[in-house]
């Protein structure tokens, strides 16, 4: 059996999948400690802590951490999302033990040296500044804030500069103490891996961690609203979001197929009508994002200030039209794109390890691939039309605009067009 799971007595979970024919492996630990686990005063601390993981442990300096992996030709990295922080390596088969040892070291033994905290604080403030200077990046943070106002899920992952400027070593230690327990961690490995060997290593590296109670996560509440930021840019950036199913919802695959048919590729409705037929933009797409308990279908485009009103109106019109005439051929194409994307992604051990961790986090199991494919194939044209109608007429909405947007339509204008 290539896919196997195990749970240590302290709650630490392990999931592995052997991929025959590979000479390398991706292995990492996914921690349920992302942006939505932060209190308001902690906003940005999960990401700050991710940066500090590579700045030295009780056994290794920052340089030694990098050298340990790169001396064997490997790769080490981390990321923070709203629901998880991940630390992972990609190494050759014979170096899996080394890779896991380094990951365990940075998770369990960070020094959090005050001088390094100050250095990395400067790096993160530069990262925040770079994000603010990237319109098609920051606009999604603003949209998220409107969609989920006054709650952790709506706050930026990087955090505001004033918060980041004041985090102390004690603050970082406190966040670790709250969220970095064994029950919040999932060790996922894929590629040239041996399950029993990894379980044995995990027992040695993580088995002595004391169990701690899980902290309750606030239930997401989609609020909706509008924000616009006027700035002298070449393009006006437009992001429109609608409440949609979360990962655990029965119709999550319906939402993903709908988003794909609406704006998921060159053959999609928005791309064909707005870019190809009318030439109103260079970039336009729709995507269905999801969290454990909520989701948001987002439409994004960049265009000129003069063309933005027409683009926004046609977007609503295309959503309404999809509710009535989305075709079986479009649904079949979207299903094929979903399945192909899933299967192609599984050819990468890094993608596969991430998928394993995410599924265990959501379901505490890894559903067979055949089960997922069956659910995708079970989505009918009627299902997609029903969801399309809900999206076009009733789903709560949020709007973010950035650039020369003084004359752009308001959310109220778009809502009126939805109702017309």
Protein backbone atom coordinates (compact mmCIF):
# COMPACT_ATOMS: atom_id res chain seq x y z
CA UNK A 1 0.00 0.00 0.00
CA UNK A 2 1.64 3.27 -1.11
CA UNK A 3 -0.56 5.68 0.89
CA UNK A 4 -0.34 5.22 4.66
CA UNK A 5 -1.26 7.19 7.77
CA UNK A 6 -0.23 7.00 11.40
CA UNK A 7 -0.91 8.98 14.57
CA UNK A 8 1.53 9.13 17.47
CA UNK A 9 0.13 8.88 21.02
CA UNK A 10 0.52 12.65 21.48
CA UNK A 11 -1.65 13.38 18.43
CA UNK A 12 1.11 14.09 15.90
CA UNK A 13 -0.09 12.85 12.49
CA UNK A 14 1.95 11.28 9.70
CA UNK A 15 0.88 10.64 6.12
CA UNK A 16 3.14 9.27 3.41
CA UNK A 17 2.85 8.14 -0.18
CA UNK A 18 5.54 6.18 -1.97
CA UNK A 19 5.89 7.10 -5.65
CA UNK A 20 7.70 4.28 -7.48
CA UNK A 21 10.43 5.30 -9.88
CA UNK A 22 11.36 8.54 -8.12
CA UNK A 23 14.83 9.18 -6.72
CA UNK A 24 13.77 12.15 -4.57
CA UNK A 25 11.25 12.96 -1.88
CA UNK A 26 9.36 15.96 -0.59
CA UNK A 27 8.85 15.96 3.16
CA UNK A 28 7.58 18.61 5.51
CA UNK A 29 5.43 19.56 8.46
CA UNK A 30 2.20 21.51 8.00
CA UNK A 31 1.10 23.37 11.14
CA UNK A 32 -2.45 24.58 11.72
CA UNK A 33 -1.15 28.01 12.65
CA UNK A 34 -1.92 30.45 9.85
CA UNK A 35 -3.27 33.94 9.65
CA UNK A 36 -6.77 33.06 10.82
CA UNK A 37 -5.37 31.64 14.08
CA UNK A 38 -4.04 35.06 15.12
CA UNK A 39 -5.68 37.46 17.52
CA UNK A 40 -5.91 41.07 16.27
CA UNK A 41 -2.76 42.11 18.14
CA UNK A 42 -0.91 39.14 16.60
CA UNK A 43 -1.75 39.90 12.95
CA UNK A 44 1.33 38.98 10.93
CA UNK A 45 3.06 36.94 13.63
CA UNK A 46 2.53 33.53 11.97
CA UNK A 47 4.39 34.79 8.91
CA UNK A 48 7.07 36.45 11.07
CA UNK A 49 7.63 33.15 12.86
CA UNK A 50 7.98 31.33 9.53
CA UNK A 51 10.82 33.71 8.65
CA UNK A 52 12.52 33.17 12.00
CA UNK A 53 12.54 29.39 11.60
CA UNK A 54 15.54 29.65 9.29
CA UNK A 55 17.50 32.09 11.45
CA UNK A 56 19.13 29.54 13.74
CA UNK A 57 18.43 26.76 16.23
CA UNK A 58 20.16 25.47 19.32
CA UNK A 59 22.09 23.05 17.07
CA UNK A 60 22.54 24.96 13.82
CA UNK A 61 23.22 28.53 12.76
CA UNK A 62 21.21 30.06 9.91
CA UNK A 63 24.08 29.26 7.54
CA UNK A 64 24.33 25.69 8.80
CA UNK A 65 20.61 25.15 8.20
CA UNK A 66 21.01 26.19 4.58
CA UNK A 67 24.25 24.27 4.12
CA UNK A 68 22.87 21.07 5.62
CA UNK A 69 20.28 20.85 2.84
CA UNK A 70 22.14 22.49 -0.02
CA UNK A 71 25.32 20.41 0.56
CA UNK A 72 23.29 17.37 -0.56
CA UNK A 73 21.67 19.21 -3.46
CA UNK A 74 18.36 19.71 -1.68
CA UNK A 75 15.93 22.58 -1.33
CA UNK A 76 14.29 24.00 1.80
CA UNK A 77 11.48 26.53 2.08
CA UNK A 78 8.35 27.52 3.97
CA UNK A 79 5.15 29.49 3.47
CA UNK A 80 2.30 30.91 5.50
CA UNK A 81 -1.32 30.89 4.39
CA UNK A 82 -4.48 31.82 6.22
CA UNK A 83 -4.97 28.30 7.59
CA UNK A 84 -1.52 26.76 7.74
CA UNK A 85 2.21 27.37 7.98
CA UNK A 86 4.35 24.81 6.16
CA UNK A 87 8.03 23.92 6.43
CA UNK A 88 9.34 21.50 3.82
CA UNK A 89 12.37 20.12 2.02
CA UNK A 90 13.02 18.35 -1.27
CA UNK A 91 15.94 15.91 -1.08
CA UNK A 92 17.23 12.72 -2.63
CA UNK A 93 16.09 9.40 -1.21
CA UNK A 94 19.22 8.84 0.89
CA UNK A 95 18.87 12.26 2.53
CA UNK A 96 15.28 11.97 3.78
CA UNK A 97 16.45 11.44 7.37
CA UNK A 98 18.63 14.55 7.19
CA UNK A 99 15.82 16.60 5.73
CA UNK A 100 13.37 15.57 8.43
CA UNK A 101 15.94 16.21 11.14
CA UNK A 102 16.45 19.77 9.90
CA UNK A 103 12.69 20.40 9.77
CA UNK A 104 12.27 19.06 13.31
CA UNK A 105 15.19 21.19 14.48
CA UNK A 106 13.79 24.47 13.15
CA UNK A 107 10.34 23.66 14.54
CA UNK A 108 11.38 22.55 17.99
CA UNK A 109 14.61 24.41 18.73
CA UNK A 110 14.45 27.94 17.30
CA UNK A 111 16.77 30.35 19.09
CA UNK A 112 14.79 33.46 18.14
CA UNK A 113 17.89 35.58 18.62
CA UNK A 114 16.93 39.24 19.26
CA UNK A 115 19.49 40.51 16.74
CA UNK A 116 18.10 38.16 14.08
CA UNK A 117 14.56 39.26 14.94
CA UNK A 118 15.53 42.85 14.16
CA UNK A 119 17.19 41.84 10.90
CA UNK A 120 14.21 39.81 9.77
CA UNK A 121 11.81 42.53 10.87
CA UNK A 122 13.43 44.77 8.27
CA UNK A 123 13.11 42.06 5.62
CA UNK A 124 9.41 41.59 6.34
CA UNK A 125 8.73 45.33 6.30
CA UNK A 126 10.35 45.42 2.86
CA UNK A 127 8.13 42.50 1.84
CA UNK A 128 5.06 44.43 2.99
CA UNK A 129 6.21 47.45 1.02
CA UNK A 130 6.73 45.33 -2.08
CA UNK A 131 3.23 43.87 -1.76
CA UNK A 132 1.73 47.36 -1.44
CA UNK A 133 3.56 48.35 -4.64
CA UNK A 134 2.10 45.35 -6.53
CA UNK A 135 -1.49 46.20 -7.48
CA UNK A 136 -2.53 42.71 -8.58
CA UNK A 137 -1.28 41.39 -5.25
CA UNK A 138 -2.52 43.87 -2.67
CA UNK A 139 -5.99 44.12 -4.22
CA UNK A 140 -6.75 40.56 -3.11
CA UNK A 141 -5.88 41.45 0.49
CA UNK A 142 -8.29 44.37 0.29
CA UNK A 143 -10.98 42.13 -1.21
CA UNK A 144 -10.43 39.58 1.56
CA UNK A 145 -10.83 42.32 4.17
CA UNK A 146 -14.16 43.36 2.67
CA UNK A 147 -15.39 39.78 2.36
CA UNK A 148 -14.53 38.85 5.95
CA UNK A 149 -14.55 42.11 7.92
CA UNK A 150 -13.42 42.31 11.54
CA UNK A 151 -12.32 38.69 11.74
CA UNK A 152 -9.01 36.81 11.41
CA UNK A 153 -9.80 35.42 7.95
CA UNK A 154 -10.11 38.94 6.58
CA UNK A 155 -6.75 40.19 7.76
CA UNK A 156 -3.61 40.22 5.65
CA UNK A 157 -1.12 37.39 6.15
CA UNK A 158 1.87 39.75 6.22
CA UNK A 159 0.23 41.95 8.83
CA UNK A 160 0.34 45.75 9.05
CA UNK A 161 3.72 47.40 9.35
CA UNK A 162 2.93 48.88 12.75
CA UNK A 163 2.27 45.41 14.20
CA UNK A 164 5.35 43.84 12.62
CA UNK A 165 7.46 46.70 13.93
CA UNK A 166 6.57 45.82 17.52
CA UNK A 167 6.65 42.01 17.73
CA UNK A 168 9.04 40.82 20.43
CA UNK A 169 10.77 37.54 21.14
CA UNK A 170 8.20 36.93 23.87
CA UNK A 171 5.37 37.42 21.35
CA UNK A 172 6.89 34.81 19.02
CA UNK A 173 7.41 32.36 21.88
CA UNK A 174 3.82 32.87 23.00
CA UNK A 175 2.46 32.06 19.53
CA UNK A 176 4.58 28.90 19.40
CA UNK A 177 3.28 27.89 22.80
CA UNK A 178 -0.32 28.38 21.71
CA UNK A 179 -0.26 26.76 18.28
CA UNK A 180 2.80 24.57 17.74
CA UNK A 181 1.61 21.45 19.54
CA UNK A 182 1.70 17.91 18.14
CA UNK A 183 -2.02 17.83 17.37
CA UNK A 184 -1.65 20.91 15.19
CA UNK A 185 1.11 19.27 13.13
CA UNK A 186 0.95 16.95 10.12
CA UNK A 187 4.07 15.37 8.72
CA UNK A 188 3.52 14.67 5.01
CA UNK A 189 6.00 12.95 2.71
CA UNK A 190 5.79 11.82 -0.90
CA UNK A 191 8.19 10.33 -3.41
CA UNK A 192 11.00 7.95 -2.55
CA UNK A 193 9.88 7.43 1.04
CA UNK A 194 9.46 4.47 3.35
CA UNK A 195 6.49 4.86 5.68
CA UNK A 196 7.78 2.73 8.54
CA UNK A 197 11.14 4.48 8.52
CA UNK A 198 9.50 7.91 8.61
CA UNK A 199 7.19 6.88 11.45
CA UNK A 200 10.22 5.71 13.42
CA UNK A 201 12.04 8.99 12.79
CA UNK A 202 8.94 10.98 13.72
CA UNK A 203 8.64 9.08 17.00
CA UNK A 204 12.21 10.05 17.84
CA UNK A 205 11.91 13.68 16.73
CA UNK A 206 8.35 14.57 17.76
CA UNK A 207 7.09 11.77 20.00
CA UNK A 208 8.09 13.48 23.26
CA UNK A 209 6.14 16.67 22.55
CA UNK A 210 3.45 17.14 25.21
CA UNK A 211 -0.11 17.11 23.92
CA UNK A 212 -1.98 20.39 24.26
CA UNK A 213 -5.62 21.34 23.66
CA UNK A 214 -6.54 22.70 20.27
CA UNK A 215 -7.59 26.34 20.25
CA UNK A 216 -11.02 27.00 18.75
CA UNK A 217 -11.03 28.76 15.39
CA UNK A 218 -13.58 31.52 14.77
CA UNK A 219 -16.33 30.54 12.35
CA UNK A 220 -16.00 32.54 9.13
CA UNK A 221 -18.74 35.07 8.32
CA UNK A 222 -18.88 36.48 4.80
CA UNK A 223 -19.78 40.13 5.17
CA UNK A 224 -19.27 41.83 1.85
CA UNK A 225 -18.62 45.45 1.09
CA UNK A 226 -16.59 47.76 -1.11
CA UNK A 227 -13.20 49.42 -0.99
CA UNK A 228 -11.55 51.60 -3.59
CA UNK A 229 -8.06 53.05 -3.57
CA UNK A 230 -7.42 55.78 -6.11
CA UNK A 231 -3.88 56.01 -7.44
CA UNK A 232 -2.27 57.24 -10.64
CA UNK A 233 -1.55 53.88 -12.25
CA UNK A 234 -1.58 52.77 -15.87
CA UNK A 235 -4.38 50.28 -15.19
CA UNK A 236 -7.48 50.09 -13.06
CA UNK A 237 -7.56 46.84 -11.09
CA UNK A 238 -10.92 45.20 -10.44
CA UNK A 239 -11.57 42.30 -8.03
CA UNK A 240 -15.09 41.05 -7.38
CA UNK A 241 -15.77 38.27 -4.88
CA UNK A 242 -18.83 36.15 -4.07
CA UNK A 243 -19.43 33.84 -1.12
CA UNK A 244 -19.07 30.24 -2.28
CA UNK A 245 -18.64 26.76 -0.77
CA UNK A 246 -15.80 25.78 1.54
CA UNK A 247 -13.75 22.59 1.35
CA UNK A 248 -16.18 20.58 3.42
CA UNK A 249 -19.29 21.65 1.48
CA UNK A 250 -21.04 19.12 -0.76
CA UNK A 251 -20.98 21.49 -3.73
CA UNK A 252 -17.30 22.49 -3.61
CA UNK A 253 -16.68 20.76 -6.95
CA UNK A 254 -19.69 22.49 -8.48
CA UNK A 255 -18.15 25.84 -7.50
CA UNK A 256 -14.79 24.93 -8.97
CA UNK A 257 -16.32 23.77 -12.26
CA UNK A 258 -18.45 26.92 -12.43
CA UNK A 259 -15.42 29.18 -11.89
CA UNK A 260 -13.46 27.29 -14.53
CA UNK A 261 -16.23 27.61 -17.11
CA UNK A 262 -16.76 31.27 -16.27
CA UNK A 263 -13.13 32.42 -16.27
CA UNK A 264 -10.68 29.58 -15.83
CA UNK A 265 -8.92 29.56 -19.18
CA UNK A 266 -8.71 30.91 -22.72
CA UNK A 267 -11.93 29.16 -23.72
CA UNK A 268 -13.89 30.51 -20.73
CA UNK A 269 -16.78 32.93 -21.09
CA UNK A 270 -15.14 35.97 -19.52
CA UNK A 271 -11.92 35.53 -21.47
CA UNK A 272 -13.71 35.07 -24.78
CA UNK A 273 -16.24 37.87 -24.39
CA UNK A 274 -14.24 40.52 -22.55
CA UNK A 275 -10.73 39.99 -23.90
CA UNK A 276 -11.08 38.21 -27.25
CA UNK A 277 -14.29 39.75 -28.60
CA UNK A 278 -14.18 43.23 -27.07
CA UNK A 279 -10.48 43.74 -26.31
CA UNK A 280 -11.22 45.37 -22.96
CA UNK A 281 -8.32 43.84 -21.02
CA UNK A 282 -5.20 41.72 -21.15
CA UNK A 283 -5.83 39.71 -17.98
CA UNK A 284 -9.14 38.40 -16.70
CA UNK A 285 -9.89 35.25 -14.75
CA UNK A 286 -12.21 33.63 -12.23
CA UNK A 287 -11.21 31.18 -9.50
CA UNK A 288 -12.94 29.39 -6.64
CA UNK A 289 -10.90 29.66 -3.45
CA UNK A 290 -11.87 27.63 -0.40
CA UNK A 291 -11.18 27.34 3.31
CA UNK A 292 -12.34 24.78 5.84
CA UNK A 293 -15.69 26.48 6.44
CA UNK A 294 -16.18 29.04 3.68
CA UNK A 295 -15.05 30.01 0.21
CA UNK A 296 -14.92 32.88 -2.23
CA UNK A 297 -15.25 32.86 -6.00
CA UNK A 298 -13.16 35.75 -7.28
CA UNK A 299 -13.16 37.53 -10.62
CA UNK A 300 -10.14 39.72 -11.39
CA UNK A 301 -9.30 41.98 -14.32
CA UNK A 302 -6.99 44.86 -15.13
CA UNK A 303 -8.07 47.46 -17.68
CA UNK A 304 -8.05 51.18 -18.44
CA UNK A 305 -10.07 53.65 -16.40
CA UNK A 306 -12.27 54.39 -19.41
CA UNK A 307 -13.10 50.74 -20.06
CA UNK A 308 -13.63 49.62 -16.47
CA UNK A 309 -17.36 50.46 -16.30
CA UNK A 310 -18.08 48.45 -19.44
CA UNK A 311 -15.92 45.55 -18.25
CA UNK A 312 -17.70 45.43 -14.88
CA UNK A 313 -21.14 45.50 -16.48
CA UNK A 314 -20.31 42.76 -18.97
CA UNK A 315 -18.92 40.63 -16.14
CA UNK A 316 -22.29 40.73 -14.39
CA UNK A 317 -24.09 40.10 -17.67
CA UNK A 318 -21.95 37.04 -18.36
CA UNK A 319 -22.63 35.70 -14.88
CA UNK A 320 -26.38 36.08 -15.46
CA UNK A 321 -26.19 34.51 -18.90
CA UNK A 322 -24.28 31.50 -17.52
CA UNK A 323 -27.17 30.79 -15.18
CA UNK A 324 -29.43 30.16 -18.13
CA UNK A 325 -27.34 28.70 -20.90
CA UNK A 326 -24.10 27.20 -19.64
CA UNK A 327 -23.77 24.13 -21.83
CA UNK A 328 -22.95 20.48 -21.19
CA UNK A 329 -19.87 20.96 -23.39
CA UNK A 330 -18.60 23.77 -21.15
CA UNK A 331 -19.19 21.70 -18.03
CA UNK A 332 -17.42 18.71 -19.59
CA UNK A 333 -14.46 20.91 -20.54
CA UNK A 334 -14.22 22.31 -17.03
CA UNK A 335 -14.41 18.80 -15.54
CA UNK A 336 -11.61 17.67 -17.86
CA UNK A 337 -9.48 20.67 -16.87
CA UNK A 338 -10.01 19.94 -13.18
CA UNK A 339 -9.12 16.27 -13.50
CA UNK A 340 -6.11 16.97 -15.70
CA UNK A 341 -4.84 19.62 -13.31
CA UNK A 342 -5.26 17.27 -10.37
CA UNK A 343 -3.51 14.35 -12.07
CA UNK A 344 -0.69 16.46 -13.51
CA UNK A 345 -0.09 18.02 -10.11
CA UNK A 346 0.24 14.59 -8.54
CA UNK A 347 3.26 13.88 -10.73
CA UNK A 348 5.22 16.25 -8.44
CA UNK A 349 6.15 14.89 -5.00
CA UNK A 350 6.01 18.41 -3.57
CA UNK A 351 2.44 18.94 -4.80
CA UNK A 352 1.48 15.49 -3.63
CA UNK A 353 2.87 16.00 -0.11
CA UNK A 354 1.04 19.31 0.16
CA UNK A 355 -2.21 17.70 -0.98
CA UNK A 356 -1.81 14.89 1.56
CA UNK A 357 -1.29 17.35 4.39
CA UNK A 358 -4.23 19.51 3.36
CA UNK A 359 -6.63 16.59 3.07
CA UNK A 360 -5.60 15.21 6.45
CA UNK A 361 -6.05 18.67 7.95
CA UNK A 362 -9.57 18.93 6.50
CA UNK A 363 -10.85 15.34 6.72
CA UNK A 364 -8.30 13.56 8.96
CA UNK A 365 -7.95 11.12 6.06
CA UNK A 366 -6.90 11.10 2.41
CA UNK A 367 -9.88 10.24 0.21
CA UNK A 368 -8.90 7.91 -2.66
CA UNK A 369 -8.22 9.70 -5.90
CA UNK A 370 -11.03 7.69 -7.48
CA UNK A 371 -13.47 9.17 -4.94
CA UNK A 372 -12.45 12.70 -5.90
CA UNK A 373 -12.74 11.95 -9.62
CA UNK A 374 -16.18 10.43 -9.07
CA UNK A 375 -17.36 13.59 -7.31
CA UNK A 376 -16.05 15.74 -10.14
CA UNK A 377 -17.73 13.52 -12.73
CA UNK A 378 -21.00 13.58 -10.76
CA UNK A 379 -21.41 17.35 -11.25
CA UNK A 380 -24.18 17.95 -13.77
CA UNK A 381 -24.98 20.88 -16.02
CA UNK A 382 -28.06 21.49 -13.87
CA UNK A 383 -25.91 21.69 -10.74
CA UNK A 384 -23.68 24.30 -12.35
CA UNK A 385 -26.61 26.33 -13.65
CA UNK A 386 -28.24 26.33 -10.20
CA UNK A 387 -25.03 27.60 -8.59
CA UNK A 388 -24.53 30.10 -11.42
CA UNK A 389 -28.00 31.50 -10.76
CA UNK A 390 -27.25 31.83 -7.05
CA UNK A 391 -23.96 33.57 -7.83
CA UNK A 392 -25.56 35.93 -10.32
CA UNK A 393 -28.53 36.87 -8.17
CA UNK A 394 -28.15 36.17 -4.47
CA UNK A 395 -24.61 35.39 -3.28
CA UNK A 396 -23.17 38.07 -0.97
CA UNK A 397 -20.53 40.09 -2.81
CA UNK A 398 -17.42 42.14 -2.13
CA UNK A 399 -15.59 44.57 -4.41
CA UNK A 400 -12.07 45.99 -4.41
CA UNK A 401 -10.79 48.61 -6.87
CA UNK A 402 -7.31 50.09 -7.23
CA UNK A 403 -5.80 52.66 -9.56
CA UNK A 404 -7.63 55.33 -11.62
CA UNK A 405 -11.03 54.21 -10.36
CA UNK A 406 -12.82 57.47 -9.59
CA UNK A 407 -15.47 56.81 -12.24
CA UNK A 408 -15.78 53.08 -11.62
CA UNK A 409 -19.17 51.57 -10.78
CA UNK A 410 -19.93 50.97 -7.13
CA UNK A 411 -20.90 47.67 -5.58
CA UNK A 412 -24.45 49.06 -5.36
CA UNK A 413 -24.37 49.66 -9.13
CA UNK A 414 -23.30 46.07 -9.75
CA UNK A 415 -25.91 44.74 -7.32
CA UNK A 416 -28.59 46.68 -9.20
CA UNK A 417 -27.42 45.14 -12.48
CA UNK A 418 -27.56 41.70 -10.88
CA UNK A 419 -31.16 42.35 -9.88
CA UNK A 420 -32.25 43.82 -13.22
